[in-house]
C-alpha atoms as a PDB file:
ATOM      1  CA  MET A   1     -28.741  33.681 -57.516  1.00  0.00           C
ATOM      2  CA  ARG A   2     -25.528  31.895 -58.349  1.00  0.00           C
ATOM      3  CA  ILE A   3     -23.620  34.294 -56.123  1.00  0.00           C
ATOM      4  CA  VAL A   4     -26.004  33.611 -53.214  1.00  0.00           C
ATOM      5  CA  ALA A   5     -25.693  29.853 -53.765  1.00  0.00           C
ATOM      6  CA  LEU A   6     -21.895  30.083 -53.828  1.00  0.00           C
ATOM      7  CA  LEU A   7     -21.997  32.170 -50.643  1.00  0.00           C
ATOM      8  CA  PHE A   8     -24.099  29.554 -48.831  1.00  0.00           C
ATOM      9  CA  LEU A   9     -21.822  26.801 -50.153  1.00  0.00           C
ATOM     10  CA  SER A  10     -18.713  28.592 -48.867  1.00  0.00           C
ATOM     11  CA  LEU A  11     -20.294  29.072 -45.443  1.00  0.00           C
ATOM     12  CA  HIS A  12     -21.178  25.387 -45.382  1.00  0.00           C
ATOM     13  CA  LEU A  13     -17.587  24.404 -46.231  1.00  0.00           C
ATOM     14  CA  LEU A  14     -16.251  26.793 -43.579  1.00  0.00           C
ATOM     15  CA  TYR A  15     -18.527  25.819 -40.687  1.00  0.00           C
ATOM     16  CA  GLY A  16     -20.317  22.707 -41.927  1.00  0.00           C
ATOM     17  CA  ALA A  17     -19.963  19.437 -39.986  1.00  0.00           C
ATOM     18  CA  ASN A  18     -22.136  16.388 -40.605  1.00  0.00           C
ATOM     19  CA  VAL A  19     -23.453  14.335 -37.684  1.00  0.00           C
ATOM     20  CA  VAL A  20     -22.255  10.819 -38.406  1.00  0.00           C
ATOM     21  CA  ASN A  21     -23.336   9.212 -35.159  1.00  0.00           C
ATOM     22  CA  TYR A  22     -25.377   9.931 -32.036  1.00  0.00           C
ATOM     23  CA  ASN A  23     -25.849   8.159 -28.711  1.00  0.00           C
ATOM     24  CA  LEU A  24     -28.372   8.689 -25.949  1.00  0.00           C
ATOM     25  CA  TYR A  25     -27.340   7.830 -22.374  1.00  0.00           C
ATOM     26  CA  GLU A  26     -30.224   7.659 -19.910  1.00  0.00           C
ATOM     27  CA  ARG A  27     -29.630   8.004 -16.176  1.00  0.00           C
ATOM     28  CA  GLU A  28     -31.971   8.633 -13.259  1.00  0.00           C
ATOM     29  CA  ASN A  29     -30.693  12.162 -12.682  1.00  0.00           C
ATOM     30  CA  ARG A  30     -29.446  13.145 -16.170  1.00  0.00           C
ATOM     31  CA  LEU A  31     -29.815  12.571 -19.897  1.00  0.00           C
ATOM     32  CA  ASP A  32     -26.766  12.840 -22.181  1.00  0.00           C
ATOM     33  CA  LEU A  33     -26.960  13.251 -25.953  1.00  0.00           C
ATOM     34  CA  MET A  34     -23.589  12.548 -27.597  1.00  0.00           C
ATOM     35  CA  LEU A  35     -23.034  13.762 -31.172  1.00  0.00           C
ATOM     36  CA  SER A  36     -20.052  12.805 -33.364  1.00  0.00           C
ATOM     37  CA  PHE A  37     -19.091  14.852 -36.436  1.00  0.00           C
ATOM     38  CA  ASP A  38     -17.111  14.028 -39.556  1.00  0.00           C
ATOM     39  CA  ASP A  39     -15.165  17.278 -39.141  1.00  0.00           C
ATOM     40  CA  ALA A  40     -14.308  19.673 -36.346  1.00  0.00           C
ATOM     41  CA  TYR A  41     -17.476  21.526 -35.357  1.00  0.00           C
ATOM     42  CA  LYS A  42     -16.783  25.262 -35.084  1.00  0.00           C
ATOM     43  CA  GLY A  43     -20.316  26.565 -35.287  1.00  0.00           C
ATOM     44  CA  ARG A  44     -22.308  28.569 -32.749  1.00  0.00           C
ATOM     45  CA  ILE A  45     -24.974  27.116 -30.446  1.00  0.00           C
ATOM     46  CA  THR A  46     -27.996  29.161 -29.373  1.00  0.00           C
ATOM     47  CA  LYS A  47     -30.875  28.335 -27.076  1.00  0.00           C
ATOM     48  CA  ARG A  48     -34.518  29.400 -27.035  1.00  0.00           C
ATOM     49  CA  THR A  49     -36.842  28.422 -24.177  1.00  0.00           C
ATOM     50  CA  GLU A  50     -40.638  28.505 -24.153  1.00  0.00           C
ATOM     51  CA  GLY A  51     -41.915  27.208 -20.815  1.00  0.00           C
ATOM     52  CA  VAL A  52     -40.692  23.631 -20.470  1.00  0.00           C
ATOM     53  CA  HIS A  53     -39.850  23.405 -24.189  1.00  0.00           C
ATOM     54  CA  THR A  54     -36.312  24.230 -25.285  1.00  0.00           C
ATOM     55  CA  ILE A  55     -34.837  24.487 -28.778  1.00  0.00           C
ATOM     56  CA  LEU A  56     -31.090  24.348 -29.382  1.00  0.00           C
ATOM     57  CA  GLN A  57     -29.757  25.552 -32.748  1.00  0.00           C
ATOM     58  CA  LEU A  58     -26.425  24.146 -33.928  1.00  0.00           C
ATOM     59  CA  GLU A  59     -25.345  26.457 -36.724  1.00  0.00           C
ATOM     60  CA  GLY A  60     -23.251  24.790 -39.414  1.00  0.00           C
ATOM     61  CA  ALA A  61     -24.267  21.249 -38.382  1.00  0.00           C
ATOM     62  CA  THR A  62     -26.234  18.945 -40.661  1.00  0.00           C
ATOM     63  CA  LEU A  63     -28.088  15.663 -40.276  1.00  0.00           C
ATOM     64  CA  SER A  64     -29.274  13.322 -43.012  1.00  0.00           C
ATOM     65  CA  GLN A  65     -32.715  12.649 -41.523  1.00  0.00           C
ATOM     66  CA  LYS A  66     -35.074  13.632 -38.736  1.00  0.00           C
ATOM     67  CA  ILE A  67     -34.784  11.676 -35.491  1.00  0.00           C
ATOM     68  CA  ILE A  68     -37.407  11.427 -32.726  1.00  0.00           C
ATOM     69  CA  LYS A  69     -36.677   9.791 -29.371  1.00  0.00           C
ATOM     70  CA  HIS A  70     -38.750   9.203 -26.232  1.00  0.00           C
ATOM     71  CA  PRO A  71     -36.244   8.774 -23.387  1.00  0.00           C
ATOM     72  CA  ARG A  72     -37.122   6.608 -20.421  1.00  0.00           C
ATOM     73  CA  VAL A  73     -36.539   9.385 -17.899  1.00  0.00           C
ATOM     74  CA  SER A  74     -39.115  11.247 -15.859  1.00  0.00           C
ATOM     75  CA  PHE A  75     -38.026  14.798 -16.731  1.00  0.00           C
ATOM     76  CA  VAL A  76     -37.925  14.575 -20.579  1.00  0.00           C
ATOM     77  CA  LYS A  77     -40.901  13.459 -22.645  1.00  0.00           C
ATOM     78  CA  GLU A  78     -39.554  13.786 -26.169  1.00  0.00           C
ATOM     79  CA  LEU A  79     -36.296  14.630 -27.935  1.00  0.00           C
ATOM     80  CA  ARG A  80     -36.151  15.608 -31.600  1.00  0.00           C
ATOM     81  CA  LEU A  81     -33.211  16.163 -33.954  1.00  0.00           C
ATOM     82  CA  VAL A  82     -34.486  18.139 -36.947  1.00  0.00           C
ATOM     83  CA  PRO A  83     -32.211  19.151 -39.865  1.00  0.00           C
ATOM     84  CA  TYR A  84     -32.848  22.700 -41.106  1.00  0.00           C
ATOM     85  CA  VAL A  85     -31.185  25.108 -43.541  1.00  0.00           C
ATOM     86  CA  ASN A  86     -27.455  24.847 -42.723  1.00  0.00           C
ATOM     87  CA  ARG A  87     -28.240  24.071 -39.096  1.00  0.00           C
ATOM     88  CA  LEU A  88     -29.496  21.375 -36.761  1.00  0.00           C
ATOM     89  CA  LEU A  89     -32.384  21.903 -34.349  1.00  0.00           C
ATOM     90  CA  ILE A  90     -32.564  19.917 -31.121  1.00  0.00           C
ATOM     91  CA  GLU A  91     -36.058  20.195 -29.653  1.00  0.00           C
ATOM     92  CA  ILE A  92     -36.476  19.138 -26.020  1.00  0.00           C
ATOM     93  CA  ALA A  93     -39.968  18.623 -24.609  1.00  0.00           C
ATOM     94  CA  ALA A  94     -39.538  18.397 -20.834  1.00  0.00           C
ATOM     95  CA  SER A  95     -42.110  17.474 -18.218  1.00  0.00           C
ATOM     96  CA  ASP A  96     -40.628  19.966 -15.754  1.00  0.00           C
ATOM     97  CA  GLU A  97     -38.026  22.704 -15.678  1.00  0.00           C
ATOM     98  CA  VAL A  98     -34.590  21.453 -16.736  1.00  0.00           C
ATOM     99  CA  LYS A  99     -31.123  22.898 -17.182  1.00  0.00           C
ATOM    100  CA  ILE A 100     -29.046  22.216 -20.266  1.00  0.00           C
ATOM    101  CA  THR A 101     -25.274  22.346 -20.696  1.00  0.00           C
ATOM    102  CA  ALA A 102     -23.220  21.762 -23.828  1.00  0.00           C
ATOM    103  CA  SER A 103     -19.528  20.856 -23.947  1.00  0.00           C
ATOM    104  CA  LYS A 104     -17.241  20.077 -26.873  1.00  0.00           C
ATOM    105  CA  THR A 105     -14.314  17.701 -26.974  1.00  0.00           C
ATOM    106  CA  ILE A 106     -10.788  19.064 -27.338  1.00  0.00           C
ATOM    107  CA  ASP A 107     -10.616  18.310 -31.047  1.00  0.00           C
ATOM    108  CA  ARG A 108     -14.232  19.517 -31.547  1.00  0.00           C
ATOM    109  CA  TYR A 109     -15.212  16.241 -33.210  1.00  0.00           C
ATOM    110  CA  GLY A 110     -17.698  15.503 -30.430  1.00  0.00           C
ATOM    111  CA  LEU A 111     -20.436  17.405 -28.604  1.00  0.00           C
ATOM    112  CA  ARG A 112     -22.274  16.466 -25.434  1.00  0.00           C
ATOM    113  CA  ILE A 113     -25.695  17.888 -24.573  1.00  0.00           C
ATOM    114  CA  ARG A 114     -26.504  17.209 -20.912  1.00  0.00           C
ATOM    115  CA  ILE A 115     -30.044  17.629 -19.576  1.00  0.00           C
ATOM    116  CA  THR A 116     -30.668  17.547 -15.811  1.00  0.00           C
ATOM    117  CA  PRO A 117     -33.794  18.324 -13.782  1.00  0.00           C
ATOM    118  CA  VAL A 118     -33.772  21.534 -11.756  1.00  0.00           C
ATOM    119  CA  TYR A 119     -35.936  19.910  -9.072  1.00  0.00           C
ATOM    120  CA  PRO A 120     -34.906  16.263  -8.534  1.00  0.00           C
ATOM    121  CA  SER A 121     -37.677  13.746  -8.036  1.00  0.00           C
ATOM    122  CA  SER A 122     -36.273  12.866  -4.579  1.00  0.00           C
ATOM    123  CA  THR A 123     -37.345  16.282  -3.158  1.00  0.00           C
ATOM    124  CA  LYS A 124     -40.157  15.780  -0.575  1.00  0.00           C
ATOM    125  CA  GLY A 125     -42.829  18.024   0.942  1.00  0.00           C
ATOM    126  CA  GLY A 126     -42.963  20.382  -2.044  1.00  0.00           C
ATOM    127  CA  GLN A 127     -39.713  22.080  -1.000  1.00  0.00           C
ATOM    128  CA  GLU A 128     -38.148  24.017  -3.825  1.00  0.00           C
ATOM    129  CA  GLN A 129     -34.453  23.719  -4.513  1.00  0.00           C
ATOM    130  CA  LYS A 130     -32.654  26.680  -5.994  1.00  0.00           C
ATOM    131  CA  ALA A 131     -31.212  25.877  -9.381  1.00  0.00           C
ATOM    132  CA  VAL A 132     -27.541  26.654  -9.858  1.00  0.00           C
ATOM    133  CA  GLU A 133     -27.107  28.657 -12.997  1.00  0.00           C
ATOM    134  CA  ASN A 134     -24.522  27.155 -15.315  1.00  0.00           C
ATOM    135  CA  PRO A 135     -23.411  28.740 -18.609  1.00  0.00           C
ATOM    136  CA  LEU A 136     -24.595  27.027 -21.706  1.00  0.00           C
ATOM    137  CA  PHE A 137     -21.057  26.483 -22.912  1.00  0.00           C
ATOM    138  CA  THR A 138     -18.500  24.934 -20.620  1.00  0.00           C
ATOM    139  CA  ALA A 139     -14.777  24.527 -21.144  1.00  0.00           C
ATOM    140  CA  PRO A 140     -13.804  21.491 -23.189  1.00  0.00           C
ATOM    141  CA  GLU A 141     -13.168  18.463 -21.047  1.00  0.00           C
ATOM    142  CA  LYS A 142      -9.551  17.263 -21.269  1.00  0.00           C
ATOM    143  CA  LYS A 143     -10.489  13.642 -20.744  1.00  0.00           C
ATOM    144  CA  GLU A 144     -12.640  13.465 -23.877  1.00  0.00           C
ATOM    145  CA  LYS A 145     -10.927  11.827 -26.871  1.00  0.00           C
ATOM    146  CA  PRO A 146     -12.456  10.732 -30.178  1.00  0.00           C
ATOM    147  CA  GLN A 147     -12.721   6.992 -30.685  1.00  0.00           C
ATOM    148  CA  HIS A 148     -12.750   5.646 -34.269  1.00  0.00           C
ATOM    149  CA  ALA A 149     -14.847   2.592 -35.075  1.00  0.00           C
ATOM    150  CA  SER A 150     -15.903   1.765 -38.681  1.00  0.00           C
ATOM    151  CA  GLY A 151     -15.239   5.352 -39.759  1.00  0.00           C
ATOM    152  CA  ILE A 152     -17.468   6.781 -36.983  1.00  0.00           C
ATOM    153  CA  GLN A 153     -15.922   8.966 -34.260  1.00  0.00           C
ATOM    154  CA  LYS A 154     -17.275   8.911 -30.722  1.00  0.00           C
ATOM    155  CA  SER A 155     -16.423  11.128 -27.757  1.00  0.00           C
ATOM    156  CA  VAL A 156     -16.566  10.066 -24.171  1.00  0.00           C
ATOM    157  CA  SER A 157     -16.268  12.454 -21.246  1.00  0.00           C
ATOM    158  CA  ILE A 158     -14.655  11.239 -18.074  1.00  0.00           C
ATOM    159  CA  LYS A 159     -14.766  13.057 -14.783  1.00  0.00           C
ATOM    160  CA  LYS A 160     -12.356  12.296 -11.982  1.00  0.00           C
ATOM    161  CA  ASP A 161     -13.515  12.489  -8.433  1.00  0.00           C
ATOM    162  CA  SER A 162     -10.678  13.506  -6.149  1.00  0.00           C
ATOM    163  CA  GLY A 163     -12.665  13.208  -2.913  1.00  0.00           C
ATOM    164  CA  MET A 164     -11.482   9.673  -2.159  1.00  0.00           C
ATOM    165  CA  GLU A 165      -7.865  10.613  -2.859  1.00  0.00           C
ATOM    166  CA  GLY A 166      -8.070  13.509  -0.401  1.00  0.00           C
ATOM    167  CA  ALA A 167      -9.469  11.220   2.310  1.00  0.00           C
ATOM    168  CA  TYR A 168      -6.577   8.764   1.851  1.00  0.00           C
ATOM    169  CA  LEU A 169      -4.007  11.571   2.083  1.00  0.00           C
ATOM    170  CA  LYS A 170      -5.554  12.849   5.317  1.00  0.00           C
ATOM    171  CA  MET A 171      -5.536   9.373   6.853  1.00  0.00           C
ATOM    172  CA  ILE A 172      -1.861   8.826   5.932  1.00  0.00           C
ATOM    173  CA  ALA A 173      -0.930  12.219   7.421  1.00  0.00           C
ATOM    174  CA  VAL A 174      -2.674  11.333  10.710  1.00  0.00           C
ATOM    175  CA  LEU A 175      -0.857   7.965  10.921  1.00  0.00           C
ATOM    176  CA  VAL A 176       2.543   9.558  10.254  1.00  0.00           C
ATOM    177  CA  GLY A 177       1.903  12.178  12.935  1.00  0.00           C
ATOM    178  CA  LEU A 178       0.886   9.487  15.453  1.00  0.00           C
ATOM    179  CA  LEU A 179       4.040   7.436  14.769  1.00  0.00           C
ATOM    180  CA  LEU A 180       6.228  10.527  15.196  1.00  0.00           C
ATOM    181  CA  PHE A 181       4.525  11.368  18.506  1.00  0.00           C
ATOM    182  CA  LEU A 182       5.035   7.837  19.869  1.00  0.00           C
ATOM    183  CA  TYR A 183       8.704   7.865  18.814  1.00  0.00           C
ATOM    184  CA  LEU A 184       9.366  11.186  20.584  1.00  0.00           C
ATOM    185  CA  LEU A 185       7.490  10.010  23.701  1.00  0.00           C
ATOM    186  CA  LYS A 186       9.579   6.827  23.903  1.00  0.00           C
ATOM    187  CA  LYS A 187      12.797   8.793  23.430  1.00  0.00           C
ATOM    188  CA  ILE A 188      11.874  11.219  26.235  1.00  0.00           C
ATOM    189  CA  MET A 189      10.948   8.400  28.650  1.00  0.00           C
ATOM    190  CA  ASN A 190      14.224   6.544  27.995  1.00  0.00           C
ATOM    191  CA  THR A 191      16.425   9.639  28.490  1.00  0.00           C
ATOM    192  CA  GLY A 192      18.944   9.091  31.317  1.00  0.00           C
ATOM    193  CA  ARG A 193      18.242   5.392  31.645  1.00  0.00           C
ATOM    194  CA  PRO A 194      20.976   2.873  30.848  1.00  0.00           C
ATOM    195  CA  GLU A 195      20.228   0.587  27.964  1.00  0.00           C
ATOM    196  CA  LYS A 196      19.097  -2.839  29.034  1.00  0.00           C
ATOM    197  CA  SER A 197      19.392  -6.136  27.241  1.00  0.00           C
ATOM    198  CA  TRP A 198      16.868  -8.900  27.841  1.00  0.00           C
ATOM    199  CA  LEU A 199      19.517 -11.527  27.102  1.00  0.00           C
ATOM    200  CA  PHE A 200      22.630 -10.085  28.774  1.00  0.00           C
ATOM    201  CA  PRO A 201      21.731  -7.554  31.518  1.00  0.00           C
ATOM    202  CA  VAL A 202      24.259  -4.741  31.729  1.00  0.00           C
ATOM    203  CA  GLY A 203      25.945  -4.091  35.082  1.00  0.00           C
ATOM    204  CA  LYS A 204      24.751  -7.304  36.693  1.00  0.00           C
ATOM    205  CA  LYS A 205      27.029 -10.334  36.483  1.00  0.00           C
ATOM    206  CA  GLU A 206      26.029 -13.667  37.887  1.00  0.00           C
ATOM    207  CA  LYS A 207      28.722 -15.005  40.254  1.00  0.00           C
ATOM    208  CA  SER A 208      29.418 -18.679  39.678  1.00  0.00           C
ATOM    209  CA  PRO A 209      28.994 -20.831  42.838  1.00  0.00           C
ATOM    210  CA  VAL A 210      32.059 -22.903  41.829  1.00  0.00           C
ATOM    211  CA  HIS A 211      35.537 -21.365  42.165  1.00  0.00           C
ATOM    212  CA  ILE A 212      39.056 -22.771  42.036  1.00  0.00           C
ATOM    213  CA  VAL A 213      41.159 -21.834  45.067  1.00  0.00           C
ATOM    214  CA  TYR A 214      44.431 -23.552  44.054  1.00  0.00           C
ATOM    215  CA  GLN A 215      45.566 -25.962  41.396  1.00  0.00           C
ATOM    216  CA  LYS A 216      48.783 -27.778  40.477  1.00  0.00           C
ATOM    217  CA  SER A 217      49.813 -29.928  37.493  1.00  0.00           C
ATOM    218  CA  LEU A 218      51.097 -33.459  38.163  1.00  0.00           C
ATOM    219  CA  ASP A 219      51.891 -34.490  34.584  1.00  0.00           C
ATOM    220  CA  ALA A 220      50.743 -33.741  31.049  1.00  0.00           C
ATOM    221  CA  ARG A 221      47.276 -35.231  31.642  1.00  0.00           C
ATOM    222  CA  ASN A 222      46.544 -34.830  35.371  1.00  0.00           C
ATOM    223  CA  ARG A 223      46.377 -32.010  37.870  1.00  0.00           C
ATOM    224  CA  VAL A 224      45.168 -31.454  41.434  1.00  0.00           C
ATOM    225  CA  ALA A 225      42.783 -28.616  42.253  1.00  0.00           C
ATOM    226  CA  LEU A 226      41.174 -27.217  45.392  1.00  0.00           C
ATOM    227  CA  ILE A 227      37.626 -26.226  44.440  1.00  0.00           C
ATOM    228  CA  GLY A 228      35.157 -24.261  46.554  1.00  0.00           C
ATOM    229  CA  TYR A 229      31.421 -24.884  46.232  1.00  0.00           C
ATOM    230  CA  LYS A 230      28.593 -23.776  48.570  1.00  0.00           C
ATOM    231  CA  GLY A 231      30.679 -23.500  51.752  1.00  0.00           C
ATOM    232  CA  TYR A 232      32.815 -26.604  51.156  1.00  0.00           C
ATOM    233  CA  LEU A 233      36.299 -27.176  49.767  1.00  0.00           C
ATOM    234  CA  TYR A 234      36.944 -30.215  47.573  1.00  0.00           C
ATOM    235  CA  LEU A 235      40.384 -31.616  46.797  1.00  0.00           C
ATOM    236  CA  VAL A 236      40.002 -33.359  43.438  1.00  0.00           C
ATOM    237  CA  LEU A 237      42.190 -35.008  40.841  1.00  0.00           C
ATOM    238  CA  LEU A 238      41.355 -33.724  37.360  1.00  0.00           C
ATOM    239  CA  GLY A 239      42.529 -35.437  34.196  1.00  0.00           C
ATOM    240  CA  VAL A 240      41.594 -38.620  32.364  1.00  0.00           C
ATOM    241  CA  ASN A 241      39.127 -39.302  35.179  1.00  0.00           C
ATOM    242  CA  ASN A 242      37.992 -37.002  37.996  1.00  0.00           C
ATOM    243  CA  VAL A 243      38.529 -38.339  41.532  1.00  0.00           C
ATOM    244  CA  LEU A 244      37.516 -36.736  44.842  1.00  0.00           C
ATOM    245  CA  LEU A 245      40.447 -36.945  47.278  1.00  0.00           C
ATOM    246  CA  ASP A 246      39.192 -34.990  50.308  1.00  0.00           C
ATOM    247  CA  LYS A 247      36.375 -32.702  51.478  1.00  0.00           C
ATOM    248  CA  PHE A 248      36.151 -30.172  54.336  1.00  0.00           C
ATOM    249  CA  ARG A 249      34.326 -26.955  55.260  1.00  0.00           C
ATOM    250  CA  GLU A 250      35.325 -23.581  53.912  1.00  0.00           C
ATOM    251  CA  ASP A 251      35.410 -21.929  57.331  1.00  0.00           C
ATOM    252  CA  HIS A 252      39.139 -21.396  57.043  1.00  0.00           C
ATOM    253  CA  ALA A 253      40.418 -20.957  53.493  1.00  0.00           C
ATOM    254  CA  PRO A 254      43.902 -22.561  53.266  1.00  0.00           C
ATOM    255  CA  ASP A 255      46.844 -20.634  51.924  1.00  0.00           C
ATOM    256  CA  GLU A 256      49.374 -21.937  49.442  1.00  0.00           C
ATOM    257  CA  GLU A 257      51.490 -23.691  52.108  1.00  0.00           C
ATOM    258  CA  GLU A 258      48.468 -25.499  53.506  1.00  0.00           C
ATOM    259  CA  PHE A 259      47.556 -26.552  49.968  1.00  0.00           C
ATOM    260  CA  GLU A 260      51.030 -28.079  49.540  1.00  0.00           C
ATOM    261  CA  GLU A 261      50.558 -29.904  52.857  1.00  0.00           C
ATOM    262  CA  LEU A 262      47.277 -31.335  51.553  1.00  0.00           C
ATOM    263  CA  LEU A 263      49.102 -32.602  48.485  1.00  0.00           C
ATOM    264  CA  GLN A 264      51.805 -34.213  50.605  1.00  0.00           C
ATOM    265  CA  LYS A 265      49.130 -35.766  52.799  1.00  0.00           C
ATOM    266  CA  ASN A 266      47.399 -37.307  49.778  1.00  0.00           C
ATOM    267  CA  SER A 267      50.565 -38.024  47.761  1.00  0.00           C
ATOM    268  CA  ASP A 268      50.344 -41.776  48.327  1.00  0.00           C
ATOM    269  CA  LYS A 269      46.780 -41.854  47.102  1.00  0.00           C
ATOM    270  CA  LEU A 270      47.705 -39.747  44.063  1.00  0.00           C
ATOM    271  CA  ASP A 271      50.720 -41.923  43.160  1.00  0.00           C
ATOM    272  CA  GLN A 272      48.678 -45.085  43.547  1.00  0.00           C
ATOM    273  CA  PHE A 273      45.878 -43.768  41.345  1.00  0.00           C
ATOM    274  CA  ILE A 274      48.249 -42.507  38.622  1.00  0.00           C
ATOM    275  CA  ARG A 275      50.249 -45.794  38.685  1.00  0.00           C
ATOM    276  CA  LEU A 276      47.030 -47.795  38.443  1.00  0.00           C
ATOM    277  CA  LYS A 277      45.930 -45.772  35.468  1.00  0.00           C
ATOM    278  CA  ASN A 278      49.293 -46.202  33.765  1.00  0.00           C
ATOM    279  CA  GLU A 279      49.230 -49.985  34.341  1.00  0.00           C
ATOM    280  CA  LYS A 280      45.750 -50.213  32.855  1.00  0.00           C
ATOM    281  CA  LEU A 281      46.871 -48.113  29.915  1.00  0.00           C
ATOM    282  CA  ASN A 282      49.953 -50.290  29.291  1.00  0.00           C
ATOM    283  CA  ALA A 283      47.878 -53.476  29.543  1.00  0.00           C
ATOM    284  CA  TYR A 284      45.431 -52.063  27.032  1.00  0.00           C
ATOM    285  CA  LYS A 285      48.261 -51.180  24.655  1.00  0.00           C
ATOM    286  CA  GLU A 286      49.713 -54.725  24.891  1.00  0.00           C
ATOM    287  CA  LYS A 287      46.298 -56.232  24.204  1.00  0.00           C
ATOM    288  CA  VAL A 288      45.826 -54.043  21.167  1.00  0.00           C
ATOM    289  CA  GLY A 289      49.308 -54.992  19.931  1.00  0.00           C
ATOM    290  CA  ARG A 290      48.554 -58.715  20.206  1.00  0.00           C
ATOM    291  CA  GLU A 291      45.276 -58.341  18.349  1.00  0.00           C
ATOM    292  CA  PHE A 292      46.995 -56.352  15.627  1.00  0.00           C
ATOM    293  CA  SER A 293      49.745 -59.025  15.202  1.00  0.00           C
ATOM    294  CA  LYS A 294      47.096 -61.766  14.859  1.00  0.00           C
ATOM    295  CA  LEU A 295      45.514 -59.901  11.954  1.00  0.00           C
ATOM    296  CA  HIS A 296      48.821 -59.967  10.054  1.00  0.00           C
END
């Protein structure tokens, strides 16, 4: 008897894992039972079904006391966790046919039992939906990690939905393709056309209506110029002040000799104007000199 007891004790040490915590997550379309162990659970899980009643056996798992739960879901009436000899029984009393999947965390410190109805309550008209057969044991989920709180480890499974990411990638690809098409279309339409500037048009220069025909310097500050503007020629004195000396039509543009004749013709007027300006300038200088001497 001692040998048998030692054998059972060794098996318990090899495969035994105590359930230190459990959580029940109720959803409309599923029921999740989360178990946390004090050691890595390496035991075997078997299933036995009798109608709508299912019993799961977790070999090598132990529980301190019996637990009975009545979930608030339509497809499961009662859930029992019953400790047995070196094993844990999970009894599921369903109201209709259900499918059960079990998955362990990577470190085997957590176990999730998921119960889902084969025929969802949203099915109308008595139509039967074919149940998809899933294996009892699924690959460990990489997103599940044990969480330690007050010495109790919990496992949480996270599933990533990549559908939204795929939709974004498709939309970005369509936009990039559209931009590339518009760029190529613009390049093809502009081939062979000279580049145009909205500010400075290329190849089109505005001709100024004012042009200087002849000009001649009289001194450092004054000069005489013959300017053409809208069919007329203007003989003007340019310098400190601008003075119009003569005006006539541009029917016959004068040459350089005729320009000199115009200067000779208006020489008296030019000398008088320049002398008058010089006298005014000298008078202004004398006035400024007197005012400056008074200040001293």
